[in-house]
Amino acid sequence: MSTTPYLVRDTGLGLRRSILNQIVEAPPNEVGFYEVAPENWITIGGKSGRQFRAMTERFDFVCHGLSLSLGSTDPLDEAFVHAVKHFLSEHGIKLYSEHLSYCSKDGHLYDLMPIPFTEEAVKHVAGRIKRVQDILEQRIAIENVSYYAAPGQEMDEIDFFNAVVKEADCKVLLDINNIYVNSVNHSYDAEAFLKAMPAHRIAYAHIAGHYAQAEDFLVDTHGADIIDPVWKLLAKAYELFGVFPTLLERDFDIPPIVELMKEVNTIKAIQNDWRVQHERRLA
């Protein structure tokens, strides 16, 4: 199984088709790597396919899946996993990640549903992750997800997450906004959750905005600017674990590139602040 380092660049951006032309014509210097959902690109041909190929030849890429449905009781879609393997190889893509959730039951549900936090589910999901890794011949990264209900809960979210990634021996995609959203919705301490994350497994991180339905109910939309408490939680993550590659997610109400770059540069600034403080501690 491959142990090659995944990324060498610190700041990333989710590449969406609506901004592809702009990115191809003038790739922003602030962005070191890009992320795509393989489901949206595997079958793309024509001009967009050529543009995508030109991008993967120049920049580091990661894939973040939407439909693997790791928590489902439906059979694992191994044909899709093989298609992802070919896609990764074809474009020299560094890493494949997925959500710790499920999105199918006798057909696609078109939403990310919460997996019950149980010992039985740990074994089930970890087994499916192992099978994916065996097919891909590399470790994948699993993302901590936002959720709005916890049916059949027998374990805390962090204990369930850590048990799955340990049993599967996989990497972690650390989603900072999801920790914050869940901490508000389920009344737990975001920093305590963060501190319990397995630092040695972190491959990279997501940061995004959300929608406040109410003071105590947040919705993970990726459709708004990132708020200050989420930025502070990212800074805390660097303080705890050191700097790791971090990617800006924006899926809805995507602003002009210049506005996206302001948030990418905020990631850079927080990373640089950590480096300055780290050097001072070593001096």
C-alpha atoms as a PDB file:
ATOM      1  CA  MET A   1       0.000   0.000   0.000  1.00  0.00           C
ATOM      2  CA  SER A   2       1.386   3.374  -1.021  1.00  0.00           C
ATOM      3  CA  THR A   3       2.937   5.557   1.696  1.00  0.00           C
ATOM      4  CA  THR A   4       3.988   8.405  -0.642  1.00  0.00           C
ATOM      5  CA  PRO A   5       3.396  11.875   0.877  1.00  0.00           C
ATOM      6  CA  TYR A   6       0.094  13.233  -0.389  1.00  0.00           C
ATOM      7  CA  LEU A   7       0.582  16.968  -0.553  1.00  0.00           C
ATOM      8  CA  VAL A   8       3.373  19.498  -0.363  1.00  0.00           C
ATOM      9  CA  ARG A   9       1.337  22.705  -0.773  1.00  0.00           C
ATOM     10  CA  ASP A  10      -0.377  24.398   2.144  1.00  0.00           C
ATOM     11  CA  THR A  11      -3.513  26.018   0.703  1.00  0.00           C
ATOM     12  CA  GLY A  12      -6.124  24.564  -1.619  1.00  0.00           C
ATOM     13  CA  LEU A  13      -9.401  25.344  -3.350  1.00  0.00           C
ATOM     14  CA  GLY A  14     -12.336  23.211  -4.427  1.00  0.00           C
ATOM     15  CA  LEU A  15     -12.439  23.335  -8.240  1.00  0.00           C
ATOM     16  CA  ARG A  16     -16.028  23.777  -9.435  1.00  0.00           C
ATOM     17  CA  ARG A  17     -17.069  23.804 -13.084  1.00  0.00           C
ATOM     18  CA  SER A  18     -18.564  27.278 -12.733  1.00  0.00           C
ATOM     19  CA  ILE A  19     -15.077  28.729 -12.146  1.00  0.00           C
ATOM     20  CA  LEU A  20     -13.072  26.339 -14.358  1.00  0.00           C
ATOM     21  CA  ASN A  21     -12.636  28.787 -17.251  1.00  0.00           C
ATOM     22  CA  GLN A  22     -11.384  31.534 -14.944  1.00  0.00           C
ATOM     23  CA  ILE A  23      -8.964  29.227 -13.141  1.00  0.00           C
ATOM     24  CA  VAL A  24      -7.543  27.787 -16.368  1.00  0.00           C
ATOM     25  CA  GLU A  25      -7.023  31.232 -17.880  1.00  0.00           C
ATOM     26  CA  ALA A  26      -5.397  32.735 -14.781  1.00  0.00           C
ATOM     27  CA  PRO A  27      -4.510  30.182 -12.077  1.00  0.00           C
ATOM     28  CA  PRO A  28      -4.257  32.109  -8.793  1.00  0.00           C
ATOM     29  CA  ASN A  29      -0.803  32.031  -7.220  1.00  0.00           C
ATOM     30  CA  GLU A  30      -2.377  31.637  -3.778  1.00  0.00           C
ATOM     31  CA  VAL A  31      -3.678  28.134  -4.547  1.00  0.00           C
ATOM     32  CA  GLY A  32      -1.248  25.243  -4.171  1.00  0.00           C
ATOM     33  CA  PHE A  33      -3.640  22.354  -4.806  1.00  0.00           C
ATOM     34  CA  TYR A  34      -7.170  21.679  -6.001  1.00  0.00           C
ATOM     35  CA  GLU A  35      -9.914  19.259  -5.013  1.00  0.00           C
ATOM     36  CA  VAL A  36     -12.661  17.718  -7.153  1.00  0.00           C
ATOM     37  CA  ALA A  37     -15.447  15.205  -6.672  1.00  0.00           C
ATOM     38  CA  PRO A  38     -14.541  12.334  -9.024  1.00  0.00           C
ATOM     39  CA  GLU A  39     -18.229  11.650  -9.753  1.00  0.00           C
ATOM     40  CA  ASN A  40     -18.415  15.057 -11.451  1.00  0.00           C
ATOM     41  CA  TRP A  41     -15.318  14.639 -13.626  1.00  0.00           C
ATOM     42  CA  ILE A  42     -14.705  10.973 -14.502  1.00  0.00           C
ATOM     43  CA  THR A  43     -16.957  11.068 -17.577  1.00  0.00           C
ATOM     44  CA  ILE A  44     -16.260  14.666 -18.630  1.00  0.00           C
ATOM     45  CA  GLY A  45     -14.896  15.056 -22.163  1.00  0.00           C
ATOM     46  CA  GLY A  46     -14.717  17.821 -24.741  1.00  0.00           C
ATOM     47  CA  LYS A  47     -13.402  21.265 -23.842  1.00  0.00           C
ATOM     48  CA  SER A  48     -13.978  20.853 -20.086  1.00  0.00           C
ATOM     49  CA  GLY A  49     -12.168  17.506 -20.133  1.00  0.00           C
ATOM     50  CA  ARG A  50      -9.192  19.043 -21.921  1.00  0.00           C
ATOM     51  CA  GLN A  51      -9.139  21.962 -19.502  1.00  0.00           C
ATOM     52  CA  PHE A  52      -9.227  19.615 -16.538  1.00  0.00           C
ATOM     53  CA  ARG A  53      -6.371  17.545 -17.976  1.00  0.00           C
ATOM     54  CA  ALA A  54      -4.332  20.709 -18.453  1.00  0.00           C
ATOM     55  CA  MET A  55      -4.894  21.580 -14.804  1.00  0.00           C
ATOM     56  CA  THR A  56      -3.944  18.152 -13.428  1.00  0.00           C
ATOM     57  CA  GLU A  57      -0.731  18.262 -15.476  1.00  0.00           C
ATOM     58  CA  ARG A  58       0.271  21.514 -13.749  1.00  0.00           C
ATOM     59  CA  PHE A  59      -1.061  21.295 -10.193  1.00  0.00           C
ATOM     60  CA  ASP A  60      -1.506  18.892  -7.297  1.00  0.00           C
ATOM     61  CA  PHE A  61      -5.033  17.491  -7.021  1.00  0.00           C
ATOM     62  CA  VAL A  62      -7.007  15.486  -4.482  1.00  0.00           C
ATOM     63  CA  CYS A  63     -10.382  13.782  -4.939  1.00  0.00           C
ATOM     64  CA  HIS A  64     -13.228  14.094  -2.440  1.00  0.00           C
ATOM     65  CA  GLY A  65     -15.973  11.573  -3.107  1.00  0.00           C
ATOM     66  CA  LEU A  66     -19.718  12.061  -2.748  1.00  0.00           C
ATOM     67  CA  SER A  67     -21.290   8.666  -3.409  1.00  0.00           C
ATOM     68  CA  LEU A  68     -19.177   5.822  -2.010  1.00  0.00           C
ATOM     69  CA  SER A  69     -21.750   5.426   0.795  1.00  0.00           C
ATOM     70  CA  LEU A  70     -19.379   3.824   3.274  1.00  0.00           C
ATOM     71  CA  GLY A  71     -22.017   3.365   5.968  1.00  0.00           C
ATOM     72  CA  SER A  72     -24.630   1.746   3.749  1.00  0.00           C
ATOM     73  CA  THR A  73     -25.749  -1.874   3.962  1.00  0.00           C
ATOM     74  CA  ASP A  74     -26.008  -1.925   0.159  1.00  0.00           C
ATOM     75  CA  PRO A  75     -23.152  -3.801  -1.557  1.00  0.00           C
ATOM     76  CA  LEU A  76     -20.045  -1.662  -2.021  1.00  0.00           C
ATOM     77  CA  ASP A  77     -19.930  -0.300  -5.577  1.00  0.00           C
ATOM     78  CA  GLU A  78     -16.601  -1.848  -6.521  1.00  0.00           C
ATOM     79  CA  ALA A  79     -16.995  -0.951 -10.192  1.00  0.00           C
ATOM     80  CA  PHE A  80     -17.071   2.701  -9.145  1.00  0.00           C
ATOM     81  CA  VAL A  81     -14.001   2.223  -6.929  1.00  0.00           C
ATOM     82  CA  HIS A  82     -12.113   0.733  -9.903  1.00  0.00           C
ATOM     83  CA  ALA A  83     -13.205   3.729 -12.016  1.00  0.00           C
ATOM     84  CA  VAL A  84     -11.850   6.055  -9.315  1.00  0.00           C
ATOM     85  CA  LYS A  85      -8.576   4.111  -9.289  1.00  0.00           C
ATOM     86  CA  HIS A  86      -8.204   4.623 -13.042  1.00  0.00           C
ATOM     87  CA  PHE A  87      -9.089   8.317 -12.697  1.00  0.00           C
ATOM     88  CA  LEU A  88      -6.498   8.847  -9.963  1.00  0.00           C
ATOM     89  CA  SER A  89      -3.827   7.130 -12.044  1.00  0.00           C
ATOM     90  CA  GLU A  90      -4.759   8.911 -15.272  1.00  0.00           C
ATOM     91  CA  HIS A  91      -4.446  12.346 -13.695  1.00  0.00           C
ATOM     92  CA  GLY A  92      -1.698  11.679 -11.128  1.00  0.00           C
ATOM     93  CA  ILE A  93      -4.083  12.630  -8.317  1.00  0.00           C
ATOM     94  CA  LYS A  94      -2.539  12.492  -4.866  1.00  0.00           C
ATOM     95  CA  LEU A  95      -5.337  11.268  -2.611  1.00  0.00           C
ATOM     96  CA  TYR A  96      -8.953  10.097  -2.449  1.00  0.00           C
ATOM     97  CA  SER A  97     -11.152  11.043   0.489  1.00  0.00           C
ATOM     98  CA  GLU A  98     -14.750  10.316   1.483  1.00  0.00           C
ATOM     99  CA  HIS A  99     -17.353  11.143   4.119  1.00  0.00           C
ATOM    100  CA  LEU A 100     -18.011   9.022   7.192  1.00  0.00           C
ATOM    101  CA  SER A 101     -21.660   8.700   6.242  1.00  0.00           C
ATOM    102  CA  TYR A 102     -23.924   6.927   3.780  1.00  0.00           C
ATOM    103  CA  CYS A 103     -26.061   8.077   0.864  1.00  0.00           C
ATOM    104  CA  SER A 104     -27.774   4.940  -0.431  1.00  0.00           C
ATOM    105  CA  LYS A 105     -30.336   2.328   0.598  1.00  0.00           C
ATOM    106  CA  ASP A 106     -31.687   0.317  -2.326  1.00  0.00           C
ATOM    107  CA  GLY A 107     -30.726   3.303  -4.474  1.00  0.00           C
ATOM    108  CA  HIS A 108     -29.199   6.732  -3.962  1.00  0.00           C
ATOM    109  CA  LEU A 109     -30.686   9.040  -1.330  1.00  0.00           C
ATOM    110  CA  TYR A 110     -28.915  12.174  -2.630  1.00  0.00           C
ATOM    111  CA  ASP A 111     -27.995  13.263   0.864  1.00  0.00           C
ATOM    112  CA  LEU A 112     -25.316  12.371   3.420  1.00  0.00           C
ATOM    113  CA  MET A 113     -26.997  10.422   6.213  1.00  0.00           C
ATOM    114  CA  PRO A 114     -25.565   9.826   9.726  1.00  0.00           C
ATOM    115  CA  ILE A 115     -24.177   6.407  10.571  1.00  0.00           C
ATOM    116  CA  PRO A 116     -25.290   5.073  13.990  1.00  0.00           C
ATOM    117  CA  PHE A 117     -22.477   5.514  16.518  1.00  0.00           C
ATOM    118  CA  THR A 118     -22.242   1.834  17.492  1.00  0.00           C
ATOM    119  CA  GLU A 119     -19.552  -0.850  17.758  1.00  0.00           C
ATOM    120  CA  GLU A 120     -21.342  -2.836  15.053  1.00  0.00           C
ATOM    121  CA  ALA A 121     -21.178   0.147  12.709  1.00  0.00           C
ATOM    122  CA  VAL A 122     -17.451   0.595  13.446  1.00  0.00           C
ATOM    123  CA  LYS A 123     -16.720  -2.932  12.210  1.00  0.00           C
ATOM    124  CA  HIS A 124     -19.036  -2.587   9.215  1.00  0.00           C
ATOM    125  CA  VAL A 125     -17.689   0.756   7.987  1.00  0.00           C
ATOM    126  CA  ALA A 126     -14.037  -0.045   8.689  1.00  0.00           C
ATOM    127  CA  GLY A 127     -14.373  -3.247   6.680  1.00  0.00           C
ATOM    128  CA  ARG A 128     -15.710  -1.322   3.702  1.00  0.00           C
ATOM    129  CA  ILE A 129     -12.915   1.263   3.962  1.00  0.00           C
ATOM    130  CA  LYS A 130     -10.339  -1.536   4.029  1.00  0.00           C
ATOM    131  CA  ARG A 131     -11.850  -3.037   0.881  1.00  0.00           C
ATOM    132  CA  VAL A 132     -11.686   0.336  -0.897  1.00  0.00           C
ATOM    133  CA  GLN A 133      -8.046   0.718   0.158  1.00  0.00           C
ATOM    134  CA  ASP A 134      -7.230  -2.776  -1.066  1.00  0.00           C
ATOM    135  CA  ILE A 135      -8.684  -1.984  -4.504  1.00  0.00           C
ATOM    136  CA  LEU A 136      -7.012   1.434  -4.743  1.00  0.00           C
ATOM    137  CA  GLU A 137      -3.734   0.102  -3.292  1.00  0.00           C
ATOM    138  CA  GLN A 138      -3.436   3.213  -1.129  1.00  0.00           C
ATOM    139  CA  ARG A 139      -4.915   4.636   2.046  1.00  0.00           C
ATOM    140  CA  ILE A 140      -7.863   6.966   1.751  1.00  0.00           C
ATOM    141  CA  ALA A 141      -8.822   9.850   4.041  1.00  0.00           C
ATOM    142  CA  ILE A 142     -12.113   9.859   5.942  1.00  0.00           C
ATOM    143  CA  GLU A 143     -13.892  13.109   6.797  1.00  0.00           C
ATOM    144  CA  ASN A 144     -15.692  13.880  10.035  1.00  0.00           C
ATOM    145  CA  VAL A 145     -19.139  14.958   8.858  1.00  0.00           C
ATOM    146  CA  SER A 146     -21.873  17.301  10.011  1.00  0.00           C
ATOM    147  CA  TYR A 147     -25.024  15.540  11.187  1.00  0.00           C
ATOM    148  CA  TYR A 148     -28.376  16.629  12.579  1.00  0.00           C
ATOM    149  CA  ALA A 149     -29.570  13.464  14.346  1.00  0.00           C
ATOM    150  CA  ALA A 150     -27.811  10.509  15.986  1.00  0.00           C
ATOM    151  CA  PRO A 151     -30.105   7.470  15.717  1.00  0.00           C
ATOM    152  CA  GLY A 152     -29.162   4.470  17.837  1.00  0.00           C
ATOM    153  CA  GLN A 153     -26.233   6.281  19.445  1.00  0.00           C
ATOM    154  CA  GLU A 154     -24.117   4.116  21.775  1.00  0.00           C
ATOM    155  CA  MET A 155     -20.844   6.089  21.568  1.00  0.00           C
ATOM    156  CA  ASP A 156     -19.778   9.715  21.410  1.00  0.00           C
ATOM    157  CA  GLU A 157     -19.103  11.031  17.912  1.00  0.00           C
ATOM    158  CA  ILE A 158     -15.355  11.422  18.499  1.00  0.00           C
ATOM    159  CA  ASP A 159     -15.020   7.894  19.919  1.00  0.00           C
ATOM    160  CA  PHE A 160     -16.886   6.477  16.934  1.00  0.00           C
ATOM    161  CA  PHE A 161     -14.795   8.436  14.438  1.00  0.00           C
ATOM    162  CA  ASN A 162     -11.500   7.466  16.058  1.00  0.00           C
ATOM    163  CA  ALA A 163     -12.519   3.812  16.326  1.00  0.00           C
ATOM    164  CA  VAL A 164     -13.343   3.683  12.604  1.00  0.00           C
ATOM    165  CA  VAL A 165     -10.115   5.260  11.383  1.00  0.00           C
ATOM    166  CA  LYS A 166      -8.018   3.131  13.726  1.00  0.00           C
ATOM    167  CA  GLU A 167      -9.761  -0.099  12.715  1.00  0.00           C
ATOM    168  CA  ALA A 168      -9.524   0.790   9.013  1.00  0.00           C
ATOM    169  CA  ASP A 169      -5.967   2.166   9.316  1.00  0.00           C
ATOM    170  CA  CYS A 170      -6.876   5.104   7.081  1.00  0.00           C
ATOM    171  CA  LYS A 171      -6.060   8.800   6.935  1.00  0.00           C
ATOM    172  CA  VAL A 172      -8.206  11.684   8.197  1.00  0.00           C
ATOM    173  CA  LEU A 173      -9.690  14.602   6.300  1.00  0.00           C
ATOM    174  CA  LEU A 174     -10.224  17.072   9.132  1.00  0.00           C
ATOM    175  CA  ASP A 175     -13.238  19.294   8.525  1.00  0.00           C
ATOM    176  CA  ILE A 176     -12.967  22.321  10.796  1.00  0.00           C
ATOM    177  CA  ASN A 177     -16.398  23.769  10.026  1.00  0.00           C
ATOM    178  CA  ASN A 178     -18.107  20.423  10.668  1.00  0.00           C
ATOM    179  CA  ILE A 179     -16.607  20.315  14.145  1.00  0.00           C
ATOM    180  CA  TYR A 180     -17.901  23.799  14.861  1.00  0.00           C
ATOM    181  CA  VAL A 181     -21.363  23.130  13.399  1.00  0.00           C
ATOM    182  CA  ASN A 182     -21.734  19.886  15.353  1.00  0.00           C
ATOM    183  CA  SER A 183     -20.477  21.498  18.565  1.00  0.00           C
ATOM    184  CA  VAL A 184     -23.285  24.056  18.374  1.00  0.00           C
ATOM    185  CA  ASN A 185     -25.987  21.648  17.238  1.00  0.00           C
ATOM    186  CA  HIS A 186     -25.103  18.916  19.736  1.00  0.00           C
ATOM    187  CA  SER A 187     -23.768  21.072  22.589  1.00  0.00           C
ATOM    188  CA  TYR A 188     -20.216  19.844  22.923  1.00  0.00           C
ATOM    189  CA  ASP A 189     -16.817  21.528  23.267  1.00  0.00           C
ATOM    190  CA  ALA A 190     -15.266  22.020  19.820  1.00  0.00           C
ATOM    191  CA  GLU A 191     -11.710  22.339  21.148  1.00  0.00           C
ATOM    192  CA  ALA A 192     -12.035  19.166  23.222  1.00  0.00           C
ATOM    193  CA  PHE A 193     -13.261  17.318  20.123  1.00  0.00           C
ATOM    194  CA  LEU A 194     -10.357  18.709  18.108  1.00  0.00           C
ATOM    195  CA  LYS A 195      -7.785  17.699  20.734  1.00  0.00           C
ATOM    196  CA  ALA A 196      -9.033  14.100  20.571  1.00  0.00           C
ATOM    197  CA  MET A 197      -8.393  13.845  16.825  1.00  0.00           C
ATOM    198  CA  PRO A 198      -5.555  11.475  15.761  1.00  0.00           C
ATOM    199  CA  ALA A 199      -3.022  14.068  14.612  1.00  0.00           C
ATOM    200  CA  HIS A 200      -0.718  11.546  12.934  1.00  0.00           C
ATOM    201  CA  ARG A 201      -3.498  10.552  10.530  1.00  0.00           C
ATOM    202  CA  ILE A 202      -4.397  14.038   9.236  1.00  0.00           C
ATOM    203  CA  ALA A 203      -3.813  14.255   5.474  1.00  0.00           C
ATOM    204  CA  TYR A 204      -5.409  17.660   4.942  1.00  0.00           C
ATOM    205  CA  ALA A 205      -8.298  19.808   6.148  1.00  0.00           C
ATOM    206  CA  HIS A 206     -11.453  21.498   4.900  1.00  0.00           C
ATOM    207  CA  ILE A 207     -12.726  24.865   6.017  1.00  0.00           C
ATOM    208  CA  ALA A 208     -16.038  26.359   4.896  1.00  0.00           C
ATOM    209  CA  GLY A 209     -18.975  28.563   5.760  1.00  0.00           C
ATOM    210  CA  HIS A 210     -22.402  27.590   7.060  1.00  0.00           C
ATOM    211  CA  TYR A 211     -25.932  28.946   7.520  1.00  0.00           C
ATOM    212  CA  ALA A 212     -27.312  29.882  10.946  1.00  0.00           C
ATOM    213  CA  GLN A 213     -30.929  28.699  11.030  1.00  0.00           C
ATOM    214  CA  ALA A 214     -31.051  29.657  14.703  1.00  0.00           C
ATOM    215  CA  GLU A 215     -28.614  30.430  17.508  1.00  0.00           C
ATOM    216  CA  ASP A 216     -28.402  26.756  18.378  1.00  0.00           C
ATOM    217  CA  PHE A 217     -28.949  25.253  14.913  1.00  0.00           C
ATOM    218  CA  LEU A 218     -26.378  25.596  12.127  1.00  0.00           C
ATOM    219  CA  VAL A 219     -26.555  24.063   8.644  1.00  0.00           C
ATOM    220  CA  ASP A 220     -23.360  23.046   6.839  1.00  0.00           C
ATOM    221  CA  THR A 221     -23.981  24.670   3.437  1.00  0.00           C
ATOM    222  CA  HIS A 222     -20.545  25.645   2.064  1.00  0.00           C
ATOM    223  CA  GLY A 223     -22.444  28.642   0.740  1.00  0.00           C
ATOM    224  CA  ALA A 224     -21.317  31.523   2.947  1.00  0.00           C
ATOM    225  CA  ASP A 225     -18.226  33.299   4.200  1.00  0.00           C
ATOM    226  CA  ILE A 226     -16.296  31.618   7.011  1.00  0.00           C
ATOM    227  CA  ILE A 227     -17.047  33.142  10.416  1.00  0.00           C
ATOM    228  CA  ASP A 228     -14.507  34.142  13.048  1.00  0.00           C
ATOM    229  CA  PRO A 229     -15.047  31.211  15.483  1.00  0.00           C
ATOM    230  CA  VAL A 230     -14.293  28.757  12.654  1.00  0.00           C
ATOM    231  CA  TRP A 231     -11.108  30.636  11.745  1.00  0.00           C
ATOM    232  CA  LYS A 232     -10.105  30.540  15.416  1.00  0.00           C
ATOM    233  CA  LEU A 233     -10.715  26.793  15.511  1.00  0.00           C
ATOM    234  CA  LEU A 234      -8.400  26.369  12.512  1.00  0.00           C
ATOM    235  CA  ALA A 235      -5.721  28.359  14.356  1.00  0.00           C
ATOM    236  CA  LYS A 236      -6.212  26.099  17.375  1.00  0.00           C
ATOM    237  CA  ALA A 237      -5.796  23.026  15.145  1.00  0.00           C
ATOM    238  CA  TYR A 238      -2.435  24.352  13.898  1.00  0.00           C
ATOM    239  CA  GLU A 239      -1.456  25.164  17.481  1.00  0.00           C
ATOM    240  CA  LEU A 240      -2.198  21.582  18.498  1.00  0.00           C
ATOM    241  CA  PHE A 241      -0.919  19.690  15.467  1.00  0.00           C
ATOM    242  CA  GLY A 242       1.261  22.028  13.389  1.00  0.00           C
ATOM    243  CA  VAL A 243       0.384  23.295   9.921  1.00  0.00           C
ATOM    244  CA  PHE A 244      -1.238  20.868   7.477  1.00  0.00           C
ATOM    245  CA  PRO A 245      -2.645  21.464   3.977  1.00  0.00           C
ATOM    246  CA  THR A 246      -6.007  23.230   4.223  1.00  0.00           C
ATOM    247  CA  LEU A 247      -8.598  23.667   1.493  1.00  0.00           C
ATOM    248  CA  LEU A 248     -11.371  26.222   1.091  1.00  0.00           C
ATOM    249  CA  GLU A 249     -14.732  24.653   0.208  1.00  0.00           C
ATOM    250  CA  ARG A 250     -17.355  26.778  -1.514  1.00  0.00           C
ATOM    251  CA  ASP A 251     -20.207  24.992  -3.289  1.00  0.00           C
ATOM    252  CA  PHE A 252     -23.056  27.543  -3.430  1.00  0.00           C
ATOM    253  CA  ASP A 253     -23.322  31.299  -3.987  1.00  0.00           C
ATOM    254  CA  ILE A 254     -19.748  31.189  -5.257  1.00  0.00           C
ATOM    255  CA  PRO A 255     -18.344  34.734  -5.276  1.00  0.00           C
ATOM    256  CA  PRO A 256     -15.810  36.137  -7.768  1.00  0.00           C
ATOM    257  CA  ILE A 257     -12.350  34.569  -7.678  1.00  0.00           C
ATOM    258  CA  VAL A 258     -10.907  37.659  -6.024  1.00  0.00           C
ATOM    259  CA  GLU A 259     -13.283  37.148  -3.089  1.00  0.00           C
ATOM    260  CA  LEU A 260     -12.417  33.445  -2.808  1.00  0.00           C
ATOM    261  CA  MET A 261      -8.740  34.373  -2.717  1.00  0.00           C
ATOM    262  CA  LYS A 262      -9.340  36.588   0.318  1.00  0.00           C
ATOM    263  CA  GLU A 263     -10.331  33.491   2.298  1.00  0.00           C
ATOM    264  CA  VAL A 264      -7.485  31.427   0.820  1.00  0.00           C
ATOM    265  CA  ASN A 265      -5.138  34.192   1.949  1.00  0.00           C
ATOM    266  CA  THR A 266      -6.675  34.091   5.425  1.00  0.00           C
ATOM    267  CA  ILE A 267      -5.710  30.403   5.577  1.00  0.00           C
ATOM    268  CA  LYS A 268      -2.182  31.395   4.532  1.00  0.00           C
ATOM    269  CA  ALA A 269      -2.039  34.150   7.147  1.00  0.00           C
ATOM    270  CA  ILE A 270      -3.067  31.774   9.950  1.00  0.00           C
ATOM    271  CA  GLN A 271      -0.496  29.244   8.763  1.00  0.00           C
ATOM    272  CA  ASN A 272       2.202  31.934   8.678  1.00  0.00           C
ATOM    273  CA  ASP A 273       1.239  33.144  12.162  1.00  0.00           C
ATOM    274  CA  TRP A 274       1.764  29.601  13.439  1.00  0.00           C
ATOM    275  CA  ARG A 275       5.196  29.420  11.754  1.00  0.00           C
ATOM    276  CA  VAL A 276       6.289  32.727  13.291  1.00  0.00           C
ATOM    277  CA  GLN A 277       5.186  31.602  16.742  1.00  0.00           C
ATOM    278  CA  HIS A 278       6.831  28.214  16.247  1.00  0.00           C
ATOM    279  CA  GLU A 279      10.150  29.805  15.252  1.00  0.00           C
ATOM    280  CA  ARG A 280      10.004  32.098  18.296  1.00  0.00           C
ATOM    281  CA  ARG A 281       9.483  29.098  20.573  1.00  0.00           C
ATOM    282  CA  LEU A 282      12.491  27.382  19.040  1.00  0.00           C
ATOM    283  CA  ALA A 283      14.734  30.477  19.262  1.00  0.00           C
END
